[in-house]
């Protein structure tokens, strides 16, 4: 599927797809870091709750 599309790309389409790929990479990196910080916050909350219990 992708091979068929890339065989007949025009320069403008190639540029826009590269831009979209960069934007998607940026968004996925942002999402990953957000999920990581959320997990860290949840983990620290759990640890502090467990420490206060003992």
PDB file of N, CA and C in Angstrom:
ATOM      1  N   UNK A   1       0.835  -1.207   0.000  1.00  0.00           N
ATOM      2  CA  UNK A   1       0.000   0.000   0.000  1.00  0.00           C
ATOM      3  C   UNK A   1       0.874   1.263   0.000  1.00  0.00           C
ATOM      4  N   UNK A   2       1.788   1.330   0.964  1.00  0.00           N
ATOM      5  CA  UNK A   2       2.661   2.503   1.036  1.00  0.00           C
ATOM      6  C   UNK A   2       3.592   2.571  -0.162  1.00  0.00           C
ATOM      7  N   UNK A   3       4.024   1.406  -0.653  1.00  0.00           N
ATOM      8  CA  UNK A   3       4.902   1.392  -1.810  1.00  0.00           C
ATOM      9  C   UNK A   3       4.217   1.971  -3.036  1.00  0.00           C
ATOM     10  N   UNK A   4       2.930   1.623  -3.217  1.00  0.00           N
ATOM     11  CA  UNK A   4       2.164   2.147  -4.348  1.00  0.00           C
ATOM     12  C   UNK A   4       2.063   3.668  -4.258  1.00  0.00           C
ATOM     13  N   UNK A   5       1.799   4.152  -3.053  1.00  0.00           N
ATOM     14  CA  UNK A   5       1.663   5.594  -2.870  1.00  0.00           C
ATOM     15  C   UNK A   5       2.987   6.312  -3.107  1.00  0.00           C
ATOM     16  N   UNK A   6       4.087   5.751  -2.605  1.00  0.00           N
ATOM     17  CA  UNK A   6       5.366   6.443  -2.712  1.00  0.00           C
ATOM     18  C   UNK A   6       5.898   6.399  -4.135  1.00  0.00           C
ATOM     19  N   UNK A   7       5.410   5.448  -4.962  1.00  0.00           N
ATOM     20  CA  UNK A   7       5.884   5.372  -6.340  1.00  0.00           C
ATOM     21  C   UNK A   7       5.443   6.586  -7.149  1.00  0.00           C
ATOM     22  N   UNK A   8       4.261   7.118  -6.866  1.00  0.00           N
ATOM     23  CA  UNK A   8       3.776   8.235  -7.659  1.00  0.00           C
ATOM     24  C   UNK A   8       3.502   9.468  -6.807  1.00  0.00           C
ATOM     25  N   UNK A   9       4.449   9.789  -5.946  1.00  0.00           N
ATOM     26  CA  UNK A   9       4.288  11.000  -5.154  1.00  0.00           C
ATOM     27  C   UNK A   9       4.786  12.189  -5.944  1.00  0.00           C
ATOM     28  N   UNK A  10       4.148  13.326  -5.718  1.00  0.00           N
ATOM     29  CA  UNK A  10       4.626  14.580  -6.288  1.00  0.00           C
ATOM     30  C   UNK A  10       5.450  15.280  -5.204  1.00  0.00           C
ATOM     31  N   UNK A  11       6.378  16.153  -5.580  1.00  0.00           N
ATOM     32  CA  UNK A  11       7.238  16.805  -4.583  1.00  0.00           C
ATOM     33  C   UNK A  11       6.476  17.482  -3.445  1.00  0.00           C
ATOM     34  N   UNK A  12       5.376  18.153  -3.765  1.00  0.00           N
ATOM     35  CA  UNK A  12       4.599  18.810  -2.730  1.00  0.00           C
ATOM     36  C   UNK A  12       4.025  17.821  -1.742  1.00  0.00           C
ATOM     37  N   UNK A  13       3.528  16.703  -2.251  1.00  0.00           N
ATOM     38  CA  UNK A  13       2.962  15.682  -1.381  1.00  0.00           C
ATOM     39  C   UNK A  13       4.047  15.064  -0.508  1.00  0.00           C
ATOM     40  N   UNK A  14       5.232  14.864  -1.089  1.00  0.00           N
ATOM     41  CA  UNK A  14       6.332  14.291  -0.311  1.00  0.00           C
ATOM     42  C   UNK A  14       6.717  15.238   0.821  1.00  0.00           C
ATOM     43  N   UNK A  15       6.754  16.534   0.507  1.00  0.00           N
ATOM     44  CA  UNK A  15       7.106  17.515   1.539  1.00  0.00           C
ATOM     45  C   UNK A  15       6.054  17.533   2.640  1.00  0.00           C
ATOM     46  N   UNK A  16       4.783  17.489   2.260  1.00  0.00           N
ATOM     47  CA  UNK A  16       3.726  17.540   3.266  1.00  0.00           C
ATOM     48  C   UNK A  16       3.718  16.267   4.107  1.00  0.00           C
ATOM     49  N   UNK A  17       4.019  15.122   3.495  1.00  0.00           N
ATOM     50  CA  UNK A  17       4.057  13.882   4.265  1.00  0.00           C
ATOM     51  C   UNK A  17       5.234  13.894   5.229  1.00  0.00           C
ATOM     52  N   UNK A  18       6.356  14.482   4.817  1.00  0.00           N
ATOM     53  CA  UNK A  18       7.496  14.604   5.721  1.00  0.00           C
ATOM     54  C   UNK A  18       7.139  15.516   6.892  1.00  0.00           C
ATOM     55  N   UNK A  19       6.421  16.592   6.590  1.00  0.00           N
ATOM     56  CA  UNK A  19       5.992  17.517   7.641  1.00  0.00           C
ATOM     57  C   UNK A  19       5.023  16.821   8.592  1.00  0.00           C
ATOM     58  N   UNK A  20       4.107  16.049   8.029  1.00  0.00           N
ATOM     59  CA  UNK A  20       3.156  15.315   8.869  1.00  0.00           C
ATOM     60  C   UNK A  20       3.864  14.300   9.747  1.00  0.00           C
ATOM     61  N   UNK A  21       4.879  13.631   9.173  1.00  0.00           N
ATOM     62  CA  UNK A  21       5.623  12.638   9.941  1.00  0.00           C
ATOM     63  C   UNK A  21       6.347  13.325  11.099  1.00  0.00           C
ATOM     64  N   UNK A  22       6.935  14.505  10.817  1.00  0.00           N
ATOM     65  CA  UNK A  22       7.635  15.230  11.878  1.00  0.00           C
ATOM     66  C   UNK A  22       6.664  15.674  12.956  1.00  0.00           C
ATOM     67  N   UNK A  23       5.505  16.163  12.534  1.00  0.00           N
ATOM     68  CA  UNK A  23       4.494  16.614  13.490  1.00  0.00           C
ATOM     69  C   UNK A  23       3.996  15.434  14.319  1.00  0.00           C
ATOM     70  N   UNK A  24       3.793  14.283  13.668  1.00  0.00           N
ATOM     71  CA  UNK A  24       3.333  13.098  14.388  1.00  0.00           C
ATOM     72  C   UNK A  24       4.388  12.633  15.386  1.00  0.00           C
ATOM     73  N   UNK A  25       5.663  12.691  14.972  1.00  0.00           N
ATOM     74  CA  UNK A  25       6.735  12.306  15.884  1.00  0.00           C
ATOM     75  C   UNK A  25       6.774  13.212  17.099  1.00  0.00           C
ATOM     76  N   UNK A  26       6.588  14.522  16.855  1.00  0.00           N
ATOM     77  CA  UNK A  26       6.591  15.486  17.956  1.00  0.00           C
ATOM     78  C   UNK A  26       5.426  15.211  18.900  1.00  0.00           C
ATOM     79  N   UNK A  27       4.242  14.971  18.329  1.00  0.00           N
ATOM     80  CA  UNK A  27       3.060  14.720  19.157  1.00  0.00           C
ATOM     81  C   UNK A  27       3.205  13.436  19.953  1.00  0.00           C
ATOM     82  N   UNK A  28       3.735  12.389  19.319  1.00  0.00           N
ATOM     83  CA  UNK A  28       3.884  11.122  20.035  1.00  0.00           C
ATOM     84  C   UNK A  28       4.932  11.248  21.135  1.00  0.00           C
ATOM     85  N   UNK A  29       5.972  12.049  20.891  1.00  0.00           N
ATOM     86  CA  UNK A  29       6.975  12.269  21.936  1.00  0.00           C
ATOM     87  C   UNK A  29       6.356  13.021  23.108  1.00  0.00           C
ATOM     88  N   UNK A  30       5.539  14.037  22.792  1.00  0.00           N
ATOM     89  CA  UNK A  30       4.856  14.790  23.847  1.00  0.00           C
ATOM     90  C   UNK A  30       3.934  13.875  24.651  1.00  0.00           C
ATOM     91  N   UNK A  31       3.190  13.025  23.927  1.00  0.00           N
ATOM     92  CA  UNK A  31       2.260  12.115  24.586  1.00  0.00           C
ATOM     93  C   UNK A  31       3.007  11.131  25.474  1.00  0.00           C
ATOM     94  N   UNK A  32       4.152  10.626  24.971  1.00  0.00           N
ATOM     95  CA  UNK A  32       4.948   9.685  25.738  1.00  0.00           C
ATOM     96  C   UNK A  32       5.463  10.322  27.026  1.00  0.00           C
ATOM     97  N   UNK A  33       5.989  11.545  26.916  1.00  0.00           N
ATOM     98  CA  UNK A  33       6.529  12.205  28.103  1.00  0.00           C
ATOM     99  C   UNK A  33       5.407  12.522  29.091  1.00  0.00           C
ATOM    100  N   UNK A  34       4.222  12.887  28.564  1.00  0.00           N
ATOM    101  CA  UNK A  34       3.084  13.168  29.438  1.00  0.00           C
ATOM    102  C   UNK A  34       2.655  11.905  30.176  1.00  0.00           C
ATOM    103  N   UNK A  35       2.584  10.787  29.450  1.00  0.00           N
ATOM    104  CA  UNK A  35       2.190   9.523  30.077  1.00  0.00           C
ATOM    105  C   UNK A  35       3.230   9.105  31.112  1.00  0.00           C
ATOM    106  N   UNK A  36       4.505   9.335  30.801  1.00  0.00           N
ATOM    107  CA  UNK A  36       5.571   8.966  31.723  1.00  0.00           C
ATOM    108  C   UNK A  36       5.474   9.777  33.008  1.00  0.00           C
ATOM    109  N   UNK A  37       5.260  11.087  32.879  1.00  0.00           N
ATOM    110  CA  UNK A  37       5.168  11.937  34.069  1.00  0.00           C
ATOM    111  C   UNK A  37       3.932  11.579  34.881  1.00  0.00           C
ATOM    112  N   UNK A  38       2.844  11.223  34.184  1.00  0.00           N
ATOM    113  CA  UNK A  38       1.629  10.811  34.880  1.00  0.00           C
ATOM    114  C   UNK A  38       1.875   9.523  35.663  1.00  0.00           C
ATOM    115  N   UNK A  39       2.576   8.576  35.035  1.00  0.00           N
ATOM    116  CA  UNK A  39       2.883   7.312  35.705  1.00  0.00           C
ATOM    117  C   UNK A  39       3.789   7.560  36.908  1.00  0.00           C
ATOM    118  N   UNK A  40       4.757   8.450  36.750  1.00  0.00           N
ATOM    119  CA  UNK A  40       5.668   8.764  37.857  1.00  0.00           C
ATOM    120  C   UNK A  40       4.906   9.400  39.014  1.00  0.00           C
ATOM    121  N   UNK A  41       3.985  10.309  38.682  1.00  0.00           N
ATOM    122  CA  UNK A  41       3.176  10.952  39.720  1.00  0.00           C
ATOM    123  C   UNK A  41       2.327   9.920  40.450  1.00  0.00           C
ATOM    124  N   UNK A  42       1.707   9.027  39.688  1.00  0.00           N
ATOM    125  CA  UNK A  42       0.873   7.987  40.283  1.00  0.00           C
ATOM    126  C   UNK A  42       1.712   7.080  41.179  1.00  0.00           C
ATOM    127  N   UNK A  43       2.908   6.737  40.694  1.00  0.00           N
ATOM    128  CA  UNK A  43       3.794   5.857  41.451  1.00  0.00           C
ATOM    129  C   UNK A  43       4.227   6.515  42.756  1.00  0.00           C
ATOM    130  N   UNK A  44       4.603   7.792  42.687  1.00  0.00           N
ATOM    131  CA  UNK A  44       5.053   8.483  43.907  1.00  0.00           C
ATOM    132  C   UNK A  44       3.899   8.628  44.894  1.00  0.00           C
ATOM    133  N   UNK A  45       2.692   8.836  44.371  1.00  0.00           N
ATOM    134  CA  UNK A  45       1.525   8.913  45.250  1.00  0.00           C
ATOM    135  C   UNK A  45       1.303   7.587  45.960  1.00  0.00           C
ATOM    136  N   UNK A  46       1.424   6.501  45.183  1.00  0.00           N
ATOM    137  CA  UNK A  46       1.238   5.175  45.763  1.00  0.00           C
ATOM    138  C   UNK A  46       2.288   4.895  46.823  1.00  0.00           C
ATOM    139  N   UNK A  47       3.528   5.247  46.528  1.00  0.00           N
ATOM    140  CA  UNK A  47       4.627   5.009  47.479  1.00  0.00           C
ATOM    141  C   UNK A  47       4.421   5.815  48.758  1.00  0.00           C
ATOM    142  N   UNK A  48       4.029   7.085  48.615  1.00  0.00           N
ATOM    143  CA  UNK A  48       3.840   7.917  49.804  1.00  0.00           C
ATOM    144  C   UNK A  48       2.655   7.413  50.628  1.00  0.00           C
ATOM    145  N   UNK A  49       1.606   6.930  49.965  1.00  0.00           N
ATOM    146  CA  UNK A  49       0.460   6.383  50.685  1.00  0.00           C
ATOM    147  C   UNK A  49       0.869   5.112  51.427  1.00  0.00           C
ATOM    148  N   UNK A  50       1.691   4.281  50.773  1.00  0.00           N
ATOM    149  CA  UNK A  50       2.151   3.044  51.400  1.00  0.00           C
ATOM    150  C   UNK A  50       3.072   3.348  52.568  1.00  0.00           C
ATOM    151  N   UNK A  51       3.901   4.371  52.428  1.00  0.00           N
ATOM    152  CA  UNK A  51       4.821   4.742  53.509  1.00  0.00           C
ATOM    153  C   UNK A  51       4.055   5.311  54.692  1.00  0.00           C
ATOM    154  N   UNK A  52       3.009   6.065  54.423  1.00  0.00           N
ATOM    155  CA  UNK A  52       2.241   6.641  55.531  1.00  0.00           C
ATOM    156  C   UNK A  52       1.425   5.558  56.235  1.00  0.00           C
ATOM    157  N   UNK A  53       1.100   4.480  55.522  1.00  0.00           N
ATOM    158  CA  UNK A  53       0.346   3.380  56.133  1.00  0.00           C
ATOM    159  C   UNK A  53       1.217   2.618  57.125  1.00  0.00           C
ATOM    160  N   UNK A  54       2.479   2.403  56.767  1.00  0.00           N
ATOM    161  CA  UNK A  54       3.353   1.590  57.629  1.00  0.00           C
ATOM    162  C   UNK A  54       3.908   2.379  58.803  1.00  0.00           C
TER     163      UNK A  54
END
